[in-house]
Amino acid sequence: MTTKLATALEFETRIDISEPVRESMVELLNQQLADSLDLYTQVKQAHWNVKGMKFMSLHLLFDNLAANFLRYADTIAERATALGGRAMGTVRMAAANSQLDELSCDLTEGDEFLVAMSDRFARYAASSRTAINRCEMEHDAVTADLFTEITREVDKSLYFLESHLQG
């Protein structure tokens, strides 16, 4: 069953952004929330199931990266509700609305997980850049800044992941 992302504003706010822009931002925030929660669970899947010579370093890396996505999800959800919307943040909602590819349950080797995570982090960062552009077009500098901060951190995390594959 697909859960439609919430766009209607349900709560009053004194934030001085027009209702149509706030509705648009809530929809955008909920999409990024779905992707954030999905990526959190995928990184935890890698954390729990990685095997091989790099086990300990990757196990710890994946755990740290997963924790970042919980923080991003919280920030995104709180912005959606601050704008008068409803955060759509259950696991089922995230699974139904995520734009990310499903992670194969057959992966175990560190390099397999590194490639899979690198692909997903790159996709997430690209989606966040699109979100920044949309926020700027709709003159919501605060939400654009939120996505800029997240994208900066995700780019750094992608660098960490890719560095394990290089050399």
C-alpha atoms as a PDB file:
ATOM      1  CA  MET A   1       0.000   0.000   0.000  1.00  0.00           C
ATOM      2  CA  THR A   2       1.448   3.351  -1.037  1.00  0.00           C
ATOM      3  CA  THR A   3       1.245   6.186   1.454  1.00  0.00           C
ATOM      4  CA  LYS A   4       0.892   9.553  -0.247  1.00  0.00           C
ATOM      5  CA  LEU A   5       3.231  12.207   1.069  1.00  0.00           C
ATOM      6  CA  ALA A   6       1.485  14.886   3.102  1.00  0.00           C
ATOM      7  CA  THR A   7       1.329  18.272   1.422  1.00  0.00           C
ATOM      8  CA  ALA A   8      -1.622  19.973   3.091  1.00  0.00           C
ATOM      9  CA  LEU A   9      -0.868  22.298   5.940  1.00  0.00           C
ATOM     10  CA  GLU A  10      -2.532  21.127   9.125  1.00  0.00           C
ATOM     11  CA  PHE A  11      -1.152  23.502  11.716  1.00  0.00           C
ATOM     12  CA  GLU A  12      -1.053  27.251  12.181  1.00  0.00           C
ATOM     13  CA  THR A  13       2.268  29.057  12.136  1.00  0.00           C
ATOM     14  CA  ARG A  14       3.496  32.621  12.204  1.00  0.00           C
ATOM     15  CA  ILE A  15       6.386  31.813   9.865  1.00  0.00           C
ATOM     16  CA  ASP A  16       6.147  34.472   7.168  1.00  0.00           C
ATOM     17  CA  ILE A  17       6.248  32.203   4.125  1.00  0.00           C
ATOM     18  CA  SER A  18       3.193  31.989   1.885  1.00  0.00           C
ATOM     19  CA  GLU A  19       0.909  28.987   2.243  1.00  0.00           C
ATOM     20  CA  PRO A  20       1.588  27.636  -1.277  1.00  0.00           C
ATOM     21  CA  VAL A  21       5.344  27.761  -0.681  1.00  0.00           C
ATOM     22  CA  ARG A  22       4.998  26.124   2.730  1.00  0.00           C
ATOM     23  CA  GLU A  23       2.890  23.343   1.171  1.00  0.00           C
ATOM     24  CA  SER A  24       5.512  22.819  -1.517  1.00  0.00           C
ATOM     25  CA  MET A  25       8.292  22.738   1.068  1.00  0.00           C
ATOM     26  CA  VAL A  26       6.423  20.234   3.256  1.00  0.00           C
ATOM     27  CA  GLU A  27       6.075  17.921   0.255  1.00  0.00           C
ATOM     28  CA  LEU A  28       9.775  18.305  -0.543  1.00  0.00           C
ATOM     29  CA  LEU A  29      10.797  17.790   3.080  1.00  0.00           C
ATOM     30  CA  ASN A  30       8.694  14.641   3.353  1.00  0.00           C
ATOM     31  CA  GLN A  31      10.337  13.225   0.222  1.00  0.00           C
ATOM     32  CA  GLN A  32      13.782  13.840   1.693  1.00  0.00           C
ATOM     33  CA  LEU A  33      12.576  12.411   5.006  1.00  0.00           C
ATOM     34  CA  ALA A  34      11.558   9.175   3.259  1.00  0.00           C
ATOM     35  CA  ASP A  35      14.947   8.944   1.558  1.00  0.00           C
ATOM     36  CA  SER A  36      16.791   9.747   4.808  1.00  0.00           C
ATOM     37  CA  LEU A  37      15.008   7.054   6.791  1.00  0.00           C
ATOM     38  CA  ASP A  38      15.417   4.514   3.997  1.00  0.00           C
ATOM     39  CA  LEU A  39      19.129   5.247   3.716  1.00  0.00           C
ATOM     40  CA  TYR A  40      19.470   5.016   7.505  1.00  0.00           C
ATOM     41  CA  THR A  41      18.087   1.462   7.445  1.00  0.00           C
ATOM     42  CA  GLN A  42      20.215   0.497   4.444  1.00  0.00           C
ATOM     43  CA  VAL A  43      23.393   1.713   6.139  1.00  0.00           C
ATOM     44  CA  LYS A  44      22.414  -0.222   9.284  1.00  0.00           C
ATOM     45  CA  GLN A  45      21.909  -3.306   7.095  1.00  0.00           C
ATOM     46  CA  ALA A  46      25.492  -2.860   5.885  1.00  0.00           C
ATOM     47  CA  HIS A  47      26.676  -2.299   9.474  1.00  0.00           C
ATOM     48  CA  TRP A  48      25.085  -5.537  10.681  1.00  0.00           C
ATOM     49  CA  ASN A  49      26.065  -7.757   7.755  1.00  0.00           C
ATOM     50  CA  VAL A  50      29.503  -6.653   6.559  1.00  0.00           C
ATOM     51  CA  LYS A  51      32.190  -9.371   6.579  1.00  0.00           C
ATOM     52  CA  GLY A  52      35.809  -9.568   5.524  1.00  0.00           C
ATOM     53  CA  MET A  53      39.223  -8.100   6.245  1.00  0.00           C
ATOM     54  CA  LYS A  54      37.914  -4.561   6.741  1.00  0.00           C
ATOM     55  CA  PHE A  55      35.124  -5.683   9.068  1.00  0.00           C
ATOM     56  CA  MET A  56      35.836  -3.567  12.130  1.00  0.00           C
ATOM     57  CA  SER A  57      36.618  -0.320  10.332  1.00  0.00           C
ATOM     58  CA  LEU A  58      33.568  -0.645   8.059  1.00  0.00           C
ATOM     59  CA  HIS A  59      31.316  -1.803  10.891  1.00  0.00           C
ATOM     60  CA  LEU A  60      32.189   1.374  12.822  1.00  0.00           C
ATOM     61  CA  LEU A  61      32.047   3.615   9.738  1.00  0.00           C
ATOM     62  CA  PHE A  62      28.588   2.368   8.776  1.00  0.00           C
ATOM     63  CA  ASP A  63      27.336   2.837  12.330  1.00  0.00           C
ATOM     64  CA  ASN A  64      28.543   6.461  12.381  1.00  0.00           C
ATOM     65  CA  LEU A  65      27.050   7.166   8.956  1.00  0.00           C
ATOM     66  CA  ALA A  66      23.715   5.668   9.990  1.00  0.00           C
ATOM     67  CA  ALA A  67      23.603   7.901  13.067  1.00  0.00           C
ATOM     68  CA  ASN A  68      24.028  10.928  10.801  1.00  0.00           C
ATOM     69  CA  PHE A  69      20.921   9.978   8.829  1.00  0.00           C
ATOM     70  CA  LEU A  70      18.841   9.774  11.998  1.00  0.00           C
ATOM     71  CA  ARG A  71      19.964  13.311  12.784  1.00  0.00           C
ATOM     72  CA  TYR A  72      19.113  14.478   9.248  1.00  0.00           C
ATOM     73  CA  ALA A  73      15.690  12.849   9.467  1.00  0.00           C
ATOM     74  CA  ASP A  74      14.942  14.593  12.748  1.00  0.00           C
ATOM     75  CA  THR A  75      15.970  17.992  11.385  1.00  0.00           C
ATOM     76  CA  ILE A  76      13.951  17.496   8.185  1.00  0.00           C
ATOM     77  CA  ALA A  77      10.842  16.296  10.030  1.00  0.00           C
ATOM     78  CA  GLU A  78      10.956  19.186  12.483  1.00  0.00           C
ATOM     79  CA  ARG A  79      11.212  21.707   9.622  1.00  0.00           C
ATOM     80  CA  ALA A  80       8.148  20.147   7.955  1.00  0.00           C
ATOM     81  CA  THR A  81       6.128  20.501  11.139  1.00  0.00           C
ATOM     82  CA  ALA A  82       7.472  24.006  11.816  1.00  0.00           C
ATOM     83  CA  LEU A  83       6.056  25.029   8.427  1.00  0.00           C
ATOM     84  CA  GLY A  84       2.632  23.761   9.494  1.00  0.00           C
ATOM     85  CA  GLY A  85       2.787  20.347   7.855  1.00  0.00           C
ATOM     86  CA  ARG A  86       2.866  16.804   9.093  1.00  0.00           C
ATOM     87  CA  ALA A  87       6.052  14.736   9.028  1.00  0.00           C
ATOM     88  CA  MET A  88       5.521  11.407   7.260  1.00  0.00           C
ATOM     89  CA  GLY A  89       8.205   9.410   9.032  1.00  0.00           C
ATOM     90  CA  THR A  90       7.191   5.833   9.737  1.00  0.00           C
ATOM     91  CA  VAL A  91       9.223   2.986   8.283  1.00  0.00           C
ATOM     92  CA  ARG A  92       6.301   2.022   6.044  1.00  0.00           C
ATOM     93  CA  MET A  93       5.885   5.581   4.811  1.00  0.00           C
ATOM     94  CA  ALA A  94       9.595   5.798   4.072  1.00  0.00           C
ATOM     95  CA  ALA A  95       9.613   2.486   2.204  1.00  0.00           C
ATOM     96  CA  ALA A  96       6.583   3.470   0.137  1.00  0.00           C
ATOM     97  CA  ASN A  97       8.006   6.846  -0.863  1.00  0.00           C
ATOM     98  CA  SER A  98      11.784   6.443  -1.036  1.00  0.00           C
ATOM     99  CA  GLN A  99      13.482   7.222  -4.341  1.00  0.00           C
ATOM    100  CA  LEU A 100      16.459   5.006  -3.485  1.00  0.00           C
ATOM    101  CA  ASP A 101      17.121   1.538  -4.870  1.00  0.00           C
ATOM    102  CA  GLU A 102      16.552  -1.405  -2.558  1.00  0.00           C
ATOM    103  CA  LEU A 103      19.725  -2.839  -1.029  1.00  0.00           C
ATOM    104  CA  SER A 104      20.362  -6.465  -1.963  1.00  0.00           C
ATOM    105  CA  CYS A 105      20.215  -8.903   0.942  1.00  0.00           C
ATOM    106  CA  ASP A 106      22.965 -10.940  -0.741  1.00  0.00           C
ATOM    107  CA  LEU A 107      25.765  -8.482   0.018  1.00  0.00           C
ATOM    108  CA  THR A 108      28.351  -9.403   2.653  1.00  0.00           C
ATOM    109  CA  GLU A 109      31.774  -8.276   1.412  1.00  0.00           C
ATOM    110  CA  GLY A 110      33.028  -4.892   2.499  1.00  0.00           C
ATOM    111  CA  ASP A 111      33.718  -3.662  -1.035  1.00  0.00           C
ATOM    112  CA  GLU A 112      30.216  -4.681  -2.164  1.00  0.00           C
ATOM    113  CA  PHE A 113      28.693  -2.602   0.606  1.00  0.00           C
ATOM    114  CA  LEU A 114      31.058   0.294  -0.101  1.00  0.00           C
ATOM    115  CA  VAL A 115      29.971   0.409  -3.753  1.00  0.00           C
ATOM    116  CA  ALA A 116      26.288   0.098  -2.842  1.00  0.00           C
ATOM    117  CA  MET A 117      26.525   2.787  -0.170  1.00  0.00           C
ATOM    118  CA  SER A 118      28.537   5.090  -2.442  1.00  0.00           C
ATOM    119  CA  ASP A 119      25.855   4.804  -5.127  1.00  0.00           C
ATOM    120  CA  ARG A 120      23.088   5.590  -2.652  1.00  0.00           C
ATOM    121  CA  PHE A 121      24.939   8.464  -0.972  1.00  0.00           C
ATOM    122  CA  ALA A 122      25.600  10.008  -4.395  1.00  0.00           C
ATOM    123  CA  ARG A 123      21.916   9.671  -5.330  1.00  0.00           C
ATOM    124  CA  TYR A 124      20.852  11.176  -1.998  1.00  0.00           C
ATOM    125  CA  ALA A 125      23.286  14.099  -2.384  1.00  0.00           C
ATOM    126  CA  ALA A 126      22.019  14.758  -5.924  1.00  0.00           C
ATOM    127  CA  SER A 127      18.441  14.753  -4.664  1.00  0.00           C
ATOM    128  CA  SER A 128      19.433  17.157  -1.892  1.00  0.00           C
ATOM    129  CA  ARG A 129      21.023  19.518  -4.428  1.00  0.00           C
ATOM    130  CA  THR A 130      17.788  19.464  -6.420  1.00  0.00           C
ATOM    131  CA  ALA A 131      15.948  20.270  -3.188  1.00  0.00           C
ATOM    132  CA  ILE A 132      18.279  23.228  -2.546  1.00  0.00           C
ATOM    133  CA  ASN A 133      17.542  24.609  -6.015  1.00  0.00           C
ATOM    134  CA  ARG A 134      13.797  24.222  -5.520  1.00  0.00           C
ATOM    135  CA  CYS A 135      13.950  25.970  -2.141  1.00  0.00           C
ATOM    136  CA  GLU A 136      15.904  28.842  -3.665  1.00  0.00           C
ATOM    137  CA  MET A 137      13.415  29.148  -6.541  1.00  0.00           C
ATOM    138  CA  GLU A 138      10.592  29.359  -4.001  1.00  0.00           C
ATOM    139  CA  HIS A 139      12.525  31.819  -1.785  1.00  0.00           C
ATOM    140  CA  ASP A 140      12.751  29.606   1.300  1.00  0.00           C
ATOM    141  CA  ALA A 141      16.325  30.313   2.367  1.00  0.00           C
ATOM    142  CA  VAL A 142      15.985  28.496   5.691  1.00  0.00           C
ATOM    143  CA  THR A 143      14.966  25.169   4.143  1.00  0.00           C
ATOM    144  CA  ALA A 144      17.630  25.652   1.442  1.00  0.00           C
ATOM    145  CA  ASP A 145      20.206  26.149   4.199  1.00  0.00           C
ATOM    146  CA  LEU A 146      19.014  22.986   5.963  1.00  0.00           C
ATOM    147  CA  PHE A 147      19.536  20.974   2.769  1.00  0.00           C
ATOM    148  CA  THR A 148      22.877  22.690   2.113  1.00  0.00           C
ATOM    149  CA  GLU A 149      24.153  21.656   5.539  1.00  0.00           C
ATOM    150  CA  ILE A 150      22.991  18.071   5.037  1.00  0.00           C
ATOM    151  CA  THR A 151      24.481  17.911   1.533  1.00  0.00           C
ATOM    152  CA  ARG A 152      27.835  19.183   2.787  1.00  0.00           C
ATOM    153  CA  GLU A 153      27.945  16.350   5.322  1.00  0.00           C
ATOM    154  CA  VAL A 154      26.736  13.709   2.858  1.00  0.00           C
ATOM    155  CA  ASP A 155      29.398  14.760   0.332  1.00  0.00           C
ATOM    156  CA  LYS A 156      32.034  14.312   3.042  1.00  0.00           C
ATOM    157  CA  SER A 157      30.602  10.898   3.936  1.00  0.00           C
ATOM    158  CA  LEU A 158      30.651   9.931   0.256  1.00  0.00           C
ATOM    159  CA  TYR A 159      34.326  10.930   0.161  1.00  0.00           C
ATOM    160  CA  PHE A 160      34.986   8.607   3.121  1.00  0.00           C
ATOM    161  CA  LEU A 161      33.169   5.728   1.401  1.00  0.00           C
ATOM    162  CA  GLU A 162      34.872   6.237  -1.957  1.00  0.00           C
ATOM    163  CA  SER A 163      38.305   6.554  -0.343  1.00  0.00           C
ATOM    164  CA  HIS A 164      38.016   2.932   0.794  1.00  0.00           C
ATOM    165  CA  LEU A 165      37.577   1.892  -2.849  1.00  0.00           C
ATOM    166  CA  GLN A 166      40.444   3.932  -4.277  1.00  0.00           C
ATOM    167  CA  GLY A 167      44.132   3.181  -4.370  1.00  0.00           C
END
